[in-house]
Amino acid sequence: MTWSTKQKPPVMTTISIPAYGIKTLGSRHILVGGGGGAAATGVKNELQLYLLTYNQFAKIEGGKYKHLIGKKTATVDTGLRATMNMDAVSIGPPDSGRYLIAAGQDDLCVFYETSGFDLAPVDSDVDSPSQLSLRFQELNKVKSTEAASKSYQLCVRFDRSPSKPLRVATGGTDGYVRIWDAIGFCQNRVRS
């Protein structure tokens, strides 16, 4: 389906936070990062995971669905920091549900891992009925910029070269690009 400039694109979902970053995780999920920041505005700082679907259940008569929708299946509270930029890379076979996520939050790069698929709980605040989700865990965080004032990470990107070790580059308000060993962050997980 194509849209002319006169037509508005369809709305897939409505989110509860200002979005600053969006990434696909596999072929069925999108991850949205954002929030209200440290200001006491009442807007949460979260990562929100959405399952892409055409309906809650398949139609028996096999009719076509017209609109792709996003069903929220997980949220990760990021505390006082809004995710302003992020990148994600698969760290396992496509059907494993394993991803490494680097999220820029103020002057930090926070690393999260998904450890496989899960079902969103029925009694949670996510859209129901239960939908395919991912399990999230915070791995580690590093101070990614050293500016004297107003220090923020502005961008992040994983190196996707297949022959190299998994690395991630960050850029910040201090004018430096830094290269980090992402495998080291996986091996030195935050102990809960």
C-alpha atoms as a PDB file:
ATOM      1  CA  MET A   1       0.000   0.000   0.000  1.00  0.00           C
ATOM      2  CA  THR A   2       1.325   3.435  -0.890  1.00  0.00           C
ATOM      3  CA  TRP A   3       0.260   6.810   0.418  1.00  0.00           C
ATOM      4  CA  SER A   4       0.029  10.060  -1.415  1.00  0.00           C
ATOM      5  CA  THR A   5       1.204  13.288   0.163  1.00  0.00           C
ATOM      6  CA  LYS A   6      -2.458  14.151   0.743  1.00  0.00           C
ATOM      7  CA  GLN A   7      -3.084  11.036   2.828  1.00  0.00           C
ATOM      8  CA  LYS A   8      -1.948  10.818   6.420  1.00  0.00           C
ATOM      9  CA  PRO A   9       0.032   7.681   7.291  1.00  0.00           C
ATOM     10  CA  PRO A  10      -1.832   5.221   9.517  1.00  0.00           C
ATOM     11  CA  VAL A  11      -1.248   5.421  13.276  1.00  0.00           C
ATOM     12  CA  MET A  12       0.196   2.138  14.525  1.00  0.00           C
ATOM     13  CA  THR A  13      -0.087   2.873  18.248  1.00  0.00           C
ATOM     14  CA  THR A  14      -0.207   5.679  20.791  1.00  0.00           C
ATOM     15  CA  ILE A  15       2.666   5.902  23.272  1.00  0.00           C
ATOM     16  CA  SER A  16       2.690   7.457  26.742  1.00  0.00           C
ATOM     17  CA  ILE A  17       6.152   9.093  26.544  1.00  0.00           C
ATOM     18  CA  PRO A  18       7.919  11.527  24.211  1.00  0.00           C
ATOM     19  CA  ALA A  19       9.933   9.271  21.878  1.00  0.00           C
ATOM     20  CA  TYR A  20      13.598  10.086  21.247  1.00  0.00           C
ATOM     21  CA  GLY A  21      14.723   6.731  19.856  1.00  0.00           C
ATOM     22  CA  ILE A  22      13.141   3.812  18.025  1.00  0.00           C
ATOM     23  CA  LYS A  23      14.728   0.524  16.940  1.00  0.00           C
ATOM     24  CA  THR A  24      13.478  -2.751  15.534  1.00  0.00           C
ATOM     25  CA  LEU A  25      14.175  -5.948  17.469  1.00  0.00           C
ATOM     26  CA  GLY A  26      13.724  -8.768  14.995  1.00  0.00           C
ATOM     27  CA  SER A  27      10.837  -8.762  12.560  1.00  0.00           C
ATOM     28  CA  ARG A  28       8.026  -8.456  15.107  1.00  0.00           C
ATOM     29  CA  HIS A  29       9.036  -5.915  17.752  1.00  0.00           C
ATOM     30  CA  ILE A  30       9.953  -2.243  17.986  1.00  0.00           C
ATOM     31  CA  LEU A  31      11.632  -0.634  20.977  1.00  0.00           C
ATOM     32  CA  VAL A  32      10.839   2.992  21.825  1.00  0.00           C
ATOM     33  CA  GLY A  33      12.991   5.011  24.228  1.00  0.00           C
ATOM     34  CA  GLY A  34      12.187   8.364  25.765  1.00  0.00           C
ATOM     35  CA  GLY A  35      10.501  10.173  28.607  1.00  0.00           C
ATOM     36  CA  GLY A  36      10.332  13.447  30.456  1.00  0.00           C
ATOM     37  CA  GLY A  37      13.902  13.481  31.790  1.00  0.00           C
ATOM     38  CA  ALA A  38      14.870  14.560  35.302  1.00  0.00           C
ATOM     39  CA  ALA A  39      12.247  17.336  35.467  1.00  0.00           C
ATOM     40  CA  ALA A  40       9.364  16.538  37.801  1.00  0.00           C
ATOM     41  CA  THR A  41       6.731  16.716  35.051  1.00  0.00           C
ATOM     42  CA  GLY A  42       5.111  13.372  35.819  1.00  0.00           C
ATOM     43  CA  VAL A  43       6.192  11.904  32.473  1.00  0.00           C
ATOM     44  CA  LYS A  44       7.915   8.541  32.991  1.00  0.00           C
ATOM     45  CA  ASN A  45      11.328   7.663  31.576  1.00  0.00           C
ATOM     46  CA  GLU A  46      11.043   4.276  29.921  1.00  0.00           C
ATOM     47  CA  LEU A  47      11.953   1.854  27.218  1.00  0.00           C
ATOM     48  CA  GLN A  48       8.719   0.456  25.756  1.00  0.00           C
ATOM     49  CA  LEU A  49       8.514  -2.720  23.666  1.00  0.00           C
ATOM     50  CA  TYR A  50       5.746  -3.114  21.073  1.00  0.00           C
ATOM     51  CA  LEU A  51       4.693  -6.274  19.254  1.00  0.00           C
ATOM     52  CA  LEU A  52       3.699  -5.629  15.633  1.00  0.00           C
ATOM     53  CA  THR A  53       0.467  -7.423  14.771  1.00  0.00           C
ATOM     54  CA  TYR A  54      -2.641  -7.126  12.652  1.00  0.00           C
ATOM     55  CA  ASN A  55      -5.083  -8.279  15.301  1.00  0.00           C
ATOM     56  CA  GLN A  56      -5.245  -9.956  18.694  1.00  0.00           C
ATOM     57  CA  PHE A  57      -6.284 -13.283  17.176  1.00  0.00           C
ATOM     58  CA  ALA A  58      -6.228 -14.683  13.646  1.00  0.00           C
ATOM     59  CA  LYS A  59      -9.489 -14.638  11.723  1.00  0.00           C
ATOM     60  CA  ILE A  60     -10.779 -18.107  10.906  1.00  0.00           C
ATOM     61  CA  GLU A  61     -12.251 -17.002   7.592  1.00  0.00           C
ATOM     62  CA  GLY A  62      -8.799 -15.787   6.485  1.00  0.00           C
ATOM     63  CA  GLY A  63      -9.757 -12.176   5.757  1.00  0.00           C
ATOM     64  CA  LYS A  64      -7.101  -9.525   5.201  1.00  0.00           C
ATOM     65  CA  TYR A  65      -6.312  -7.055   7.953  1.00  0.00           C
ATOM     66  CA  LYS A  66      -5.951  -3.477   6.832  1.00  0.00           C
ATOM     67  CA  HIS A  67      -3.933  -1.911   9.630  1.00  0.00           C
ATOM     68  CA  LEU A  68      -0.740  -2.944  11.352  1.00  0.00           C
ATOM     69  CA  ILE A  69      -0.920  -2.168  15.072  1.00  0.00           C
ATOM     70  CA  GLY A  70       1.583  -2.141  17.910  1.00  0.00           C
ATOM     71  CA  LYS A  71       0.697  -3.814  21.217  1.00  0.00           C
ATOM     72  CA  LYS A  72       2.819  -2.766  24.199  1.00  0.00           C
ATOM     73  CA  THR A  73       4.233  -5.932  25.769  1.00  0.00           C
ATOM     74  CA  ALA A  74       6.991  -4.667  28.098  1.00  0.00           C
ATOM     75  CA  THR A  75       8.346  -1.546  29.764  1.00  0.00           C
ATOM     76  CA  VAL A  76      11.705  -0.859  31.398  1.00  0.00           C
ATOM     77  CA  ASP A  77      11.789   1.999  33.930  1.00  0.00           C
ATOM     78  CA  THR A  78      14.955   4.065  33.346  1.00  0.00           C
ATOM     79  CA  GLY A  79      14.613   6.091  36.550  1.00  0.00           C
ATOM     80  CA  LEU A  80      15.429   9.808  36.326  1.00  0.00           C
ATOM     81  CA  ARG A  81      17.048   9.507  32.893  1.00  0.00           C
ATOM     82  CA  ALA A  82      15.253   9.571  29.557  1.00  0.00           C
ATOM     83  CA  THR A  83      16.741   7.511  26.729  1.00  0.00           C
ATOM     84  CA  MET A  84      17.744  10.115  24.128  1.00  0.00           C
ATOM     85  CA  ASN A  85      19.448   7.778  21.617  1.00  0.00           C
ATOM     86  CA  MET A  86      19.937   4.045  21.264  1.00  0.00           C
ATOM     87  CA  ASP A  87      21.031   1.184  19.071  1.00  0.00           C
ATOM     88  CA  ALA A  88      20.387  -2.553  19.195  1.00  0.00           C
ATOM     89  CA  VAL A  89      22.108  -5.602  17.738  1.00  0.00           C
ATOM     90  CA  SER A  90      21.203  -9.293  17.676  1.00  0.00           C
ATOM     91  CA  ILE A  91      23.533 -11.450  19.809  1.00  0.00           C
ATOM     92  CA  GLY A  92      22.042 -14.821  18.947  1.00  0.00           C
ATOM     93  CA  PRO A  93      20.095 -16.692  16.292  1.00  0.00           C
ATOM     94  CA  PRO A  94      17.063 -14.738  15.006  1.00  0.00           C
ATOM     95  CA  ASP A  95      14.613 -17.028  16.823  1.00  0.00           C
ATOM     96  CA  SER A  96      16.417 -16.724  20.196  1.00  0.00           C
ATOM     97  CA  GLY A  97      15.111 -13.269  21.152  1.00  0.00           C
ATOM     98  CA  ARG A  98      18.576 -12.178  22.309  1.00  0.00           C
ATOM     99  CA  TYR A  99      19.592  -8.556  21.702  1.00  0.00           C
ATOM    100  CA  LEU A 100      22.108  -6.121  23.141  1.00  0.00           C
ATOM    101  CA  ILE A 101      20.826  -2.557  23.514  1.00  0.00           C
ATOM    102  CA  ALA A 102      22.959   0.551  24.121  1.00  0.00           C
ATOM    103  CA  ALA A 103      20.922   3.505  25.416  1.00  0.00           C
ATOM    104  CA  GLY A 104      22.187   7.089  25.805  1.00  0.00           C
ATOM    105  CA  GLN A 105      20.832   8.500  29.073  1.00  0.00           C
ATOM    106  CA  ASP A 106      22.338  11.888  30.038  1.00  0.00           C
ATOM    107  CA  ASP A 107      26.133  11.350  30.209  1.00  0.00           C
ATOM    108  CA  LEU A 108      25.808   7.554  30.448  1.00  0.00           C
ATOM    109  CA  CYS A 109      25.620   4.699  27.986  1.00  0.00           C
ATOM    110  CA  VAL A 110      23.451   2.037  29.617  1.00  0.00           C
ATOM    111  CA  PHE A 111      23.575  -1.515  28.275  1.00  0.00           C
ATOM    112  CA  TYR A 112      20.570  -3.841  28.377  1.00  0.00           C
ATOM    113  CA  GLU A 113      20.231  -7.418  27.204  1.00  0.00           C
ATOM    114  CA  THR A 114      17.147  -9.353  26.213  1.00  0.00           C
ATOM    115  CA  SER A 115      17.476 -12.961  27.303  1.00  0.00           C
ATOM    116  CA  GLY A 116      14.738 -14.491  25.186  1.00  0.00           C
ATOM    117  CA  PHE A 117      11.026 -14.422  24.590  1.00  0.00           C
ATOM    118  CA  ASP A 118       8.353 -14.200  27.268  1.00  0.00           C
ATOM    119  CA  LEU A 119       4.624 -13.516  27.513  1.00  0.00           C
ATOM    120  CA  ALA A 120       3.421 -10.192  28.870  1.00  0.00           C
ATOM    121  CA  PRO A 121       1.552 -10.913  32.137  1.00  0.00           C
ATOM    122  CA  VAL A 122      -2.230 -10.634  31.878  1.00  0.00           C
ATOM    123  CA  ASP A 123      -2.514  -8.481  35.020  1.00  0.00           C
ATOM    124  CA  SER A 124       0.183  -6.000  33.986  1.00  0.00           C
ATOM    125  CA  ASP A 125      -0.347  -2.469  32.688  1.00  0.00           C
ATOM    126  CA  VAL A 126       0.525  -3.539  29.160  1.00  0.00           C
ATOM    127  CA  ASP A 127      -2.105  -4.115  26.498  1.00  0.00           C
ATOM    128  CA  SER A 128      -4.007  -7.364  26.910  1.00  0.00           C
ATOM    129  CA  PRO A 129      -4.499 -10.183  26.085  1.00  0.00           C
ATOM    130  CA  SER A 130      -1.038 -11.593  26.725  1.00  0.00           C
ATOM    131  CA  GLN A 131       1.331 -11.003  23.846  1.00  0.00           C
ATOM    132  CA  LEU A 132       4.812 -12.148  22.879  1.00  0.00           C
ATOM    133  CA  SER A 133       7.398 -10.063  24.730  1.00  0.00           C
ATOM    134  CA  LEU A 134      11.110 -10.084  25.584  1.00  0.00           C
ATOM    135  CA  ARG A 135      12.855 -10.360  28.971  1.00  0.00           C
ATOM    136  CA  PHE A 136      15.076  -7.317  29.704  1.00  0.00           C
ATOM    137  CA  GLN A 137      18.038  -7.050  32.061  1.00  0.00           C
ATOM    138  CA  GLU A 138      20.330  -4.081  32.684  1.00  0.00           C
ATOM    139  CA  LEU A 139      23.919  -5.225  32.172  1.00  0.00           C
ATOM    140  CA  ASN A 140      26.178  -2.272  32.830  1.00  0.00           C
ATOM    141  CA  LYS A 141      26.618   1.471  32.374  1.00  0.00           C
ATOM    142  CA  VAL A 142      29.576   3.669  31.520  1.00  0.00           C
ATOM    143  CA  LYS A 143      30.162   7.418  31.621  1.00  0.00           C
ATOM    144  CA  SER A 144      30.391   8.077  27.890  1.00  0.00           C
ATOM    145  CA  THR A 145      31.142  11.815  27.825  1.00  0.00           C
ATOM    146  CA  GLU A 146      33.273  14.098  30.001  1.00  0.00           C
ATOM    147  CA  ALA A 147      32.057  17.623  29.163  1.00  0.00           C
ATOM    148  CA  ALA A 148      32.533  20.175  31.964  1.00  0.00           C
ATOM    149  CA  SER A 149      28.867  21.194  31.897  1.00  0.00           C
ATOM    150  CA  LYS A 150      25.735  19.912  30.183  1.00  0.00           C
ATOM    151  CA  SER A 151      27.382  16.577  29.505  1.00  0.00           C
ATOM    152  CA  TYR A 152      25.225  14.364  27.266  1.00  0.00           C
ATOM    153  CA  GLN A 153      25.732  11.349  25.055  1.00  0.00           C
ATOM    154  CA  LEU A 154      24.382  12.404  21.650  1.00  0.00           C
ATOM    155  CA  CYS A 155      24.688   9.222  19.573  1.00  0.00           C
ATOM    156  CA  VAL A 156      25.502   5.522  19.793  1.00  0.00           C
ATOM    157  CA  ARG A 157      26.064   2.809  17.182  1.00  0.00           C
ATOM    158  CA  PHE A 158      27.121  -0.849  17.288  1.00  0.00           C
ATOM    159  CA  ASP A 159      29.831  -2.021  14.891  1.00  0.00           C
ATOM    160  CA  ARG A 160      28.130  -4.650  12.750  1.00  0.00           C
ATOM    161  CA  SER A 161      31.308  -5.976  11.100  1.00  0.00           C
ATOM    162  CA  PRO A 162      31.034  -9.784  11.297  1.00  0.00           C
ATOM    163  CA  SER A 163      34.781 -10.433  11.556  1.00  0.00           C
ATOM    164  CA  LYS A 164      35.466  -8.046  14.447  1.00  0.00           C
ATOM    165  CA  PRO A 165      34.694  -8.275  18.173  1.00  0.00           C
ATOM    166  CA  LEU A 166      31.422  -6.628  19.173  1.00  0.00           C
ATOM    167  CA  ARG A 167      32.150  -2.927  19.707  1.00  0.00           C
ATOM    168  CA  VAL A 168      30.030   0.170  20.203  1.00  0.00           C
ATOM    169  CA  ALA A 169      30.832   3.805  19.394  1.00  0.00           C
ATOM    170  CA  THR A 170      29.464   6.759  21.379  1.00  0.00           C
ATOM    171  CA  GLY A 171      29.651  10.488  20.712  1.00  0.00           C
ATOM    172  CA  GLY A 172      28.931  13.233  23.200  1.00  0.00           C
ATOM    173  CA  THR A 173      28.904  16.933  23.947  1.00  0.00           C
ATOM    174  CA  ASP A 174      32.611  16.816  24.837  1.00  0.00           C
ATOM    175  CA  GLY A 175      33.467  16.399  21.129  1.00  0.00           C
ATOM    176  CA  TYR A 176      34.926  12.884  21.389  1.00  0.00           C
ATOM    177  CA  VAL A 177      33.946   9.596  19.773  1.00  0.00           C
ATOM    178  CA  ARG A 178      34.757   6.632  22.003  1.00  0.00           C
ATOM    179  CA  ILE A 179      34.892   2.941  21.102  1.00  0.00           C
ATOM    180  CA  TRP A 180      33.825   0.441  23.788  1.00  0.00           C
ATOM    181  CA  ASP A 181      34.186  -3.343  24.036  1.00  0.00           C
ATOM    182  CA  ALA A 182      30.543  -4.448  24.180  1.00  0.00           C
ATOM    183  CA  ILE A 183      31.455  -8.071  24.950  1.00  0.00           C
ATOM    184  CA  GLY A 184      33.141  -6.855  28.136  1.00  0.00           C
ATOM    185  CA  PHE A 185      29.849  -5.311  29.265  1.00  0.00           C
ATOM    186  CA  CYS A 186      28.088  -8.647  28.765  1.00  0.00           C
ATOM    187  CA  GLN A 187      30.742 -10.453  30.816  1.00  0.00           C
ATOM    188  CA  ASN A 188      30.741  -7.848  33.638  1.00  0.00           C
ATOM    189  CA  ARG A 189      26.994  -7.763  34.302  1.00  0.00           C
ATOM    190  CA  VAL A 190      25.483  -5.588  37.031  1.00  0.00           C
ATOM    191  CA  ARG A 191      24.831  -7.782  40.067  1.00  0.00           C
ATOM    192  CA  SER A 192      21.294  -7.338  41.414  1.00  0.00           C
END
